[in-house]
Every structure is written in C-alpha cells, then in structure tokens.
Amino acid sequence: MAEKTGPFQKVVVDQDICIGCGACVSVCPYQALELDENGKARLIWDLCKDDFSCVPVCPVNCIWKTSEAPDSAKGKANWYRFSKALSDAEKKEFEDWKAKYKIAWAPA
C-alpha cells in the first residue's frame, strides 16, 4: 500500500471523556495515538494519516474525525502533540488545519 500523503483531517480526542483503555492506541496503524502521563489518549498530530480506525473502537466515544468533533473538544488543551519539530511544509499544513477546523489550542 502506498504511503498516504496530506493534507489530513486527523482526529480530535476529548481527554475529559477518555477512560484510558488504550483501544485507540492498539488499533492505529500509524502509532499516532498514545496514553499521556495522565493515562488519557493523546493524538500525535504529525503521525495521523486519516485511518480513523480509532473512532469506532472507543467505548466512550471521545474520538472524532476533526470535521465532526464538537467545538468544546477542539478548544481544550493538551489533547495532541508533535513527535518532532515540524518542517516548514508541516507547519503550514498545521496552521491550515487549525484554521480550517477552528482548533483553538496549539502545543508550545
């Protein structure tokens, strides 16, 4: 299978709902989800390639395609991070994604 190329929609995780079961982490073929220091699911933004297998396996429905996520979840902090420093092209893709989907928070 050919590597998917962006831009990607990605997913949104509401950590207030997450129970830390790890189902999403176990099914993501891109290792784009992890359990953070609080045991909550967190997206690794630059690794997400729109597989979306994480969405249906979540038993508490705390993961959505970004286009379907509630604004309340998109406005929260710490639900995603980067795995590395972003290239200029990735920075532009990130800024475009934030603007398109009205993502209020960004990692430092």
Protein backbone atom coordinates (compact mmCIF):
# COMPACT_ATOMS: atom_id res chain seq x y z
CA MET A 1 0.00 0.00 0.00
CA ALA A 2 1.31 3.45 -0.91
CA GLU A 3 2.02 5.91 1.88
CA LYS A 4 -0.82 8.37 2.31
CA THR A 5 0.12 12.00 1.80
CA GLY A 6 -1.55 15.08 3.31
CA PRO A 7 -3.28 17.24 3.99
CA PHE A 8 -5.04 15.14 6.57
CA GLN A 9 -8.22 15.75 8.55
CA LYS A 10 -6.86 13.97 11.67
CA VAL A 11 -8.89 13.21 14.82
CA VAL A 12 -9.84 15.08 17.98
CA VAL A 13 -9.66 13.46 21.42
CA ASP A 14 -11.69 14.68 24.40
CA GLN A 15 -9.50 13.70 27.32
CA ASP A 16 -12.22 14.61 29.84
CA ILE A 17 -14.30 11.71 28.49
CA CYS A 18 -11.41 9.28 27.85
CA ILE A 19 -11.16 6.35 30.27
CA GLY A 20 -7.62 5.40 29.24
CA CYS A 21 -8.48 1.93 27.94
CA GLY A 22 -5.92 2.13 25.13
CA ALA A 23 -8.21 0.66 22.44
CA CYS A 24 -7.43 3.54 20.08
CA VAL A 25 -3.69 3.18 20.67
CA SER A 26 -3.80 -0.52 19.86
CA VAL A 27 -5.61 -0.15 16.51
CA CYS A 28 -3.82 2.82 14.96
CA PRO A 29 -1.55 1.54 12.16
CA TYR A 30 0.50 4.77 12.29
CA GLN A 31 1.12 4.80 16.08
CA ALA A 32 -0.49 8.24 16.07
CA LEU A 33 -2.13 7.84 19.48
CA GLU A 34 -0.61 7.31 22.90
CA LEU A 35 -1.64 7.36 26.52
CA ASP A 36 -0.25 10.51 28.11
CA GLU A 37 1.17 10.98 31.60
CA ASN A 38 -2.41 11.02 32.97
CA GLY A 39 -3.36 7.79 31.19
CA LYS A 40 -5.53 9.62 28.65
CA ALA A 41 -5.44 9.18 24.87
CA ARG A 42 -3.47 11.86 23.05
CA LEU A 43 -3.02 12.37 19.31
CA ILE A 44 0.49 12.61 17.88
CA TRP A 45 -0.53 15.14 15.23
CA ASP A 46 2.18 14.64 12.62
CA LEU A 47 1.77 10.83 12.62
CA CYS A 48 -2.00 10.79 11.96
CA LYS A 49 -2.78 9.73 8.39
CA ASP A 50 -6.61 9.59 8.48
CA ASP A 51 -7.02 5.86 9.06
CA PHE A 52 -9.86 6.58 11.55
CA SER A 53 -9.88 3.03 12.95
CA CYS A 54 -9.58 4.66 16.39
CA VAL A 55 -13.01 6.28 16.15
CA PRO A 56 -15.29 3.19 16.22
CA VAL A 57 -13.24 1.27 18.81
CA CYS A 58 -13.56 3.94 21.51
CA PRO A 59 -16.04 2.60 24.10
CA VAL A 60 -16.87 6.10 25.41
CA ASN A 61 -16.98 7.94 22.05
CA CYS A 62 -14.31 10.51 22.89
CA ILE A 63 -12.59 10.46 19.47
CA TRP A 64 -13.99 12.09 16.33
CA LYS A 65 -12.87 12.97 12.85
CA THR A 66 -11.87 16.61 13.20
CA SER A 67 -14.70 17.75 10.92
CA GLU A 68 -17.23 16.02 13.22
CA ALA A 69 -15.76 16.95 16.61
CA PRO A 70 -17.66 19.27 18.95
CA ASP A 71 -16.16 22.74 19.33
CA SER A 72 -15.88 22.12 23.09
CA ALA A 73 -13.40 19.29 22.48
CA LYS A 74 -11.42 21.26 19.87
CA GLY A 75 -10.94 24.10 22.35
CA LYS A 76 -9.32 22.03 25.11
CA ALA A 77 -5.59 21.87 25.80
CA ASN A 78 -3.07 19.02 25.66
CA TRP A 79 -5.07 16.54 23.53
CA TYR A 80 -2.39 16.45 20.84
CA ARG A 81 1.33 16.90 20.45
CA PHE A 82 4.04 16.61 17.80
CA SER A 83 6.56 13.78 17.57
CA LYS A 84 9.27 16.08 16.25
CA ALA A 85 9.95 19.64 15.16
CA LEU A 86 7.77 20.31 12.14
CA SER A 87 9.24 21.14 8.74
CA ASP A 88 8.13 24.38 7.08
CA ALA A 89 5.65 22.42 4.93
CA GLU A 90 4.27 20.64 8.02
CA LYS A 91 3.99 23.96 9.88
CA LYS A 92 1.90 25.34 7.02
CA GLU A 93 -0.26 22.20 6.98
CA PHE A 94 -0.71 22.53 10.76
CA GLU A 95 -1.70 26.21 10.55
CA ASP A 96 -4.11 25.46 7.70
CA TRP A 97 -5.62 22.56 9.71
CA LYS A 98 -6.03 24.74 12.81
CA ALA A 99 -7.76 27.46 10.78
CA LYS A 100 -9.96 25.12 8.73
CA TYR A 101 -11.26 23.19 11.75
CA LYS A 102 -11.19 26.07 14.27
CA ILE A 103 -8.71 24.42 16.62
CA ALA A 104 -8.15 26.85 19.47
CA TRP A 105 -5.14 25.31 21.22
CA ALA A 106 -1.63 24.53 19.99
CA PRO A 107 1.30 22.88 21.77
CA ALA A 108 4.19 25.18 22.69
